[in-house]
Amino acid sequence: MSLKPARDISLKSALAGAVFLCLMMVGSVRMLGQGPTFASRVEAVRVDVLVTDRGRPVRDLRADDFEVLDNGVRQEVDLVSFEQVPLNAILVLDMSVSVAGDRLDHLRAAARGLLDGLKAEDRAALVTFSHVVFQGSGLTTNLERVRAAIDRTVGPGETSLVDGIHTGMMLGESDAGRSLLIVFSDGFDTASWLPADSVLTDAP
């Protein structure tokens, strides 16, 4: 999908997008066999963008200020919103045997530091992995619950890095907010069931 502004302003992709674009594409009704078959589909696609003019954000934008192309086909932009979309921060922590002592302490401190930087409306979740993958906390605005889960993290075991990343990705996709996946690991995968390509294939 490509997106460009319809007027002379610069357009940059941004993690904390200032503009929320929602494209609605509805399916069709077909006739099959002896009776009518109704097939419909509603799909929403969010595009996070930051529009600037001489380095300053442009806020007075409307839907017709944007042109969105999907494989060269122009799509209709149905909604433009300047509301800040909450962030879903998914922490994926390596709990294998190699992460112990000072390393584990540093890992926990780094995870807590990320939580400290979130806003009140943001949510966080925790996934840990060794030879097994464990969901320590689902997505929640109760960051104290996530901090407590971080303090309870234990090992040891082998390293299911691919399985852990894939689980974190799926957890992030379970909600409509902006997802940020943070993976802390010190080693290579030694125990995953999933192939490494599954992460690239299923990545949004």
Protein backbone atom coordinates (compact mmCIF):
# COMPACT_ATOMS: atom_id res chain seq x y z
CA MET A 1 0.00 0.00 0.00
CA SER A 2 1.30 3.47 -0.79
CA LEU A 3 0.11 6.81 0.51
CA LYS A 4 0.93 10.33 -0.61
CA PRO A 5 -0.49 13.76 0.22
CA ALA A 6 -2.79 15.41 -2.30
CA ARG A 7 -1.26 18.83 -1.65
CA ASP A 8 2.29 20.15 -1.35
CA ILE A 9 3.27 18.97 2.12
CA SER A 10 5.81 16.39 3.20
CA LEU A 11 4.65 13.02 4.53
CA LYS A 12 6.61 10.81 6.91
CA SER A 13 5.62 7.55 8.53
CA ALA A 14 5.69 7.71 12.32
CA LEU A 15 5.22 5.22 15.16
CA ALA A 16 3.10 7.71 17.11
CA GLY A 17 0.97 8.63 14.11
CA ALA A 18 -0.84 11.93 14.34
CA VAL A 19 -3.40 10.92 11.75
CA PHE A 20 -5.65 7.87 11.80
CA LEU A 21 -6.87 6.74 8.39
CA CYS A 22 -9.56 4.10 8.25
CA LEU A 23 -10.44 2.56 4.92
CA MET A 24 -13.65 0.63 4.65
CA MET A 25 -14.00 -1.88 1.84
CA VAL A 26 -17.27 -3.73 1.55
CA GLY A 27 -17.79 -6.88 -0.48
CA SER A 28 -20.44 -7.65 -3.07
CA VAL A 29 -23.57 -9.77 -3.50
CA ARG A 30 -23.37 -12.67 -5.94
CA MET A 31 -25.79 -15.15 -7.45
CA LEU A 32 -24.67 -18.77 -7.30
CA GLY A 33 -26.65 -21.88 -8.23
CA GLN A 34 -30.41 -21.65 -7.81
CA GLY A 35 -30.58 -19.02 -5.06
CA PRO A 36 -28.83 -15.83 -4.12
CA THR A 37 -25.63 -16.07 -2.11
CA PHE A 38 -24.71 -12.99 -0.13
CA ALA A 39 -21.01 -12.42 0.43
CA SER A 40 -19.93 -9.36 2.33
CA ARG A 41 -16.75 -8.25 4.01
CA VAL A 42 -15.79 -5.15 5.94
CA GLU A 43 -12.09 -4.52 6.36
CA ALA A 44 -10.52 -1.61 8.21
CA VAL A 45 -6.96 -0.64 7.44
CA ARG A 46 -5.20 1.86 9.70
CA VAL A 47 -2.32 3.93 8.35
CA ASP A 48 -0.29 5.96 10.85
CA VAL A 49 1.25 9.06 9.28
CA LEU A 50 2.83 12.33 10.36
CA VAL A 51 2.38 15.27 8.00
CA THR A 52 4.78 18.20 8.38
CA ASP A 53 5.24 21.58 6.72
CA ARG A 54 8.75 22.99 7.22
CA GLY A 55 9.24 20.64 10.15
CA ARG A 56 5.97 21.49 11.92
CA PRO A 57 2.99 19.10 12.19
CA VAL A 58 0.01 19.94 9.94
CA ARG A 59 -3.28 19.46 11.79
CA ASP A 60 -5.95 20.98 9.55
CA LEU A 61 -6.19 17.97 7.25
CA ARG A 62 -9.28 16.32 5.77
CA ALA A 63 -9.83 12.96 4.12
CA ASP A 64 -9.57 14.48 0.63
CA ASP A 65 -6.07 15.75 1.43
CA PHE A 66 -4.80 12.17 1.14
CA GLU A 67 -4.44 9.73 -1.72
CA VAL A 68 -4.11 6.07 -0.73
CA LEU A 69 -3.09 3.48 -3.31
CA ASP A 70 -3.31 -0.29 -2.81
CA ASN A 71 -1.36 -2.07 -5.56
CA GLY A 72 -1.88 0.99 -7.72
CA VAL A 73 -5.63 1.14 -7.11
CA ARG A 74 -6.89 4.30 -5.41
CA GLN A 75 -8.83 3.67 -2.21
CA GLU A 76 -11.44 5.86 -0.57
CA VAL A 77 -10.42 7.39 2.74
CA ASP A 78 -13.51 7.34 4.94
CA LEU A 79 -12.15 8.71 8.19
CA VAL A 80 -9.37 10.97 9.36
CA SER A 81 -8.95 11.39 13.11
CA PHE A 82 -6.37 13.36 15.04
CA GLU A 83 -7.01 11.49 18.26
CA GLN A 84 -3.98 9.81 19.78
CA VAL A 85 -4.31 6.06 19.41
CA PRO A 86 -3.15 4.26 22.61
CA LEU A 87 -0.02 2.16 22.45
CA ASN A 88 0.02 -1.57 23.14
CA ALA A 89 3.52 -2.44 24.38
CA ILE A 90 4.20 -6.17 24.34
CA LEU A 91 7.31 -7.24 26.26
CA VAL A 92 8.82 -10.57 25.19
CA LEU A 93 11.51 -11.65 27.68
CA ASP A 94 14.08 -14.43 27.35
CA MET A 95 14.03 -16.61 30.47
CA SER A 96 16.45 -19.27 29.21
CA VAL A 97 19.30 -20.66 31.31
CA SER A 98 21.76 -18.10 29.93
CA VAL A 99 19.70 -15.25 31.42
CA ALA A 100 20.44 -15.42 35.13
CA GLY A 101 22.02 -13.37 37.88
CA ASP A 102 22.97 -9.85 36.76
CA ARG A 103 21.56 -10.42 33.27
CA LEU A 104 18.14 -11.21 34.66
CA ASP A 105 18.30 -8.19 36.96
CA HIS A 106 19.21 -5.92 34.04
CA LEU A 107 16.47 -7.43 31.88
CA ARG A 108 13.84 -6.78 34.55
CA ALA A 109 15.11 -3.22 35.06
CA ALA A 110 14.93 -2.52 31.32
CA ALA A 111 11.38 -3.87 31.14
CA ARG A 112 10.29 -1.74 34.09
CA GLY A 113 11.92 1.29 32.50
CA LEU A 114 9.85 0.84 29.36
CA LEU A 115 6.67 0.60 31.43
CA ASP A 116 7.61 3.82 33.22
CA GLY A 117 7.56 5.62 29.87
CA LEU A 118 4.00 4.64 28.96
CA LYS A 119 1.03 6.97 29.27
CA ALA A 120 -2.06 6.32 31.38
CA GLU A 121 -4.15 5.22 28.37
CA ASP A 122 -1.46 2.88 27.02
CA ARG A 123 -1.53 -0.84 27.67
CA ALA A 124 1.17 -3.45 28.17
CA ALA A 125 1.50 -7.23 28.14
CA LEU A 126 4.21 -9.72 29.07
CA VAL A 127 5.34 -12.89 27.30
CA THR A 128 8.27 -14.94 28.59
CA PHE A 129 10.00 -17.84 26.89
CA SER A 130 12.54 -20.53 27.60
CA HIS A 131 11.83 -24.01 26.19
CA VAL A 132 8.16 -23.08 26.73
CA VAL A 133 6.26 -19.84 26.07
CA PHE A 134 4.23 -18.29 28.89
CA GLN A 135 1.88 -15.32 28.90
CA GLY A 136 2.66 -13.51 32.13
CA SER A 137 0.04 -10.81 31.57
CA GLY A 138 -2.46 -9.98 28.88
CA LEU A 139 -2.90 -6.47 27.52
CA THR A 140 -3.90 -4.18 30.36
CA THR A 141 -3.71 -0.55 31.46
CA ASN A 142 -2.90 -1.86 34.96
CA LEU A 143 0.87 -1.58 34.62
CA GLU A 144 1.39 -2.66 38.22
CA ARG A 145 0.02 -6.06 37.21
CA VAL A 146 2.63 -6.27 34.44
CA ARG A 147 5.41 -5.14 36.80
CA ALA A 148 4.39 -7.86 39.26
CA ALA A 149 4.49 -10.42 36.45
CA ILE A 150 7.99 -9.24 35.51
CA ASP A 151 9.13 -9.75 39.11
CA ARG A 152 7.76 -13.31 39.03
CA THR A 153 9.62 -14.28 35.85
CA VAL A 154 11.82 -17.34 36.28
CA GLY A 155 13.85 -19.77 34.16
CA PRO A 156 15.73 -21.78 33.26
CA GLY A 157 15.45 -23.74 30.03
CA GLU A 158 16.38 -23.59 26.36
CA THR A 159 15.58 -20.69 24.02
CA SER A 160 12.31 -20.71 22.04
CA LEU A 161 13.01 -17.29 20.52
CA VAL A 162 10.86 -17.68 17.39
CA ASP A 163 7.91 -19.09 19.35
CA GLY A 164 8.15 -16.23 21.85
CA ILE A 165 8.27 -13.53 19.17
CA HIS A 166 5.37 -15.09 17.28
CA THR A 167 3.26 -15.24 20.45
CA GLY A 168 4.00 -11.59 21.17
CA MET A 169 3.00 -10.63 17.62
CA MET A 170 -0.31 -12.43 17.90
CA LEU A 171 -0.98 -10.81 21.26
CA GLY A 172 -0.36 -7.38 19.75
CA GLU A 173 -2.69 -8.08 16.84
CA SER A 174 -5.52 -8.99 19.24
CA ASP A 175 -6.31 -5.31 19.80
CA ALA A 176 -6.90 -2.35 17.48
CA GLY A 177 -4.33 -0.08 19.15
CA ARG A 178 -0.82 0.62 17.89
CA SER A 179 1.41 -2.31 18.78
CA LEU A 180 5.04 -2.08 19.88
CA LEU A 181 6.83 -5.41 20.28
CA ILE A 182 9.99 -5.32 22.44
CA VAL A 183 12.09 -8.50 22.60
CA PHE A 184 14.87 -8.96 25.17
CA SER A 185 17.15 -11.92 24.41
CA ASP A 186 20.84 -12.78 24.60
CA GLY A 187 21.01 -15.83 22.39
CA PHE A 188 19.99 -17.84 19.35
CA ASP A 189 16.91 -20.00 19.01
CA THR A 190 17.44 -23.56 20.22
CA ALA A 191 13.97 -24.95 20.97
CA SER A 192 11.19 -23.36 18.88
CA TRP A 193 8.51 -25.41 17.16
CA LEU A 194 7.82 -22.72 14.57
CA PRO A 195 10.23 -22.02 11.68
CA ALA A 196 11.90 -18.61 11.62
CA ASP A 197 10.07 -17.69 8.41
CA SER A 198 6.75 -17.77 10.29
CA VAL A 199 7.68 -14.50 12.02
CA LEU A 200 8.27 -12.73 8.71
CA THR A 201 5.19 -14.30 7.11
CA ASP A 202 2.82 -13.30 9.91
CA ALA A 203 4.35 -9.92 10.72
CA PRO A 204 1.84 -7.08 10.12
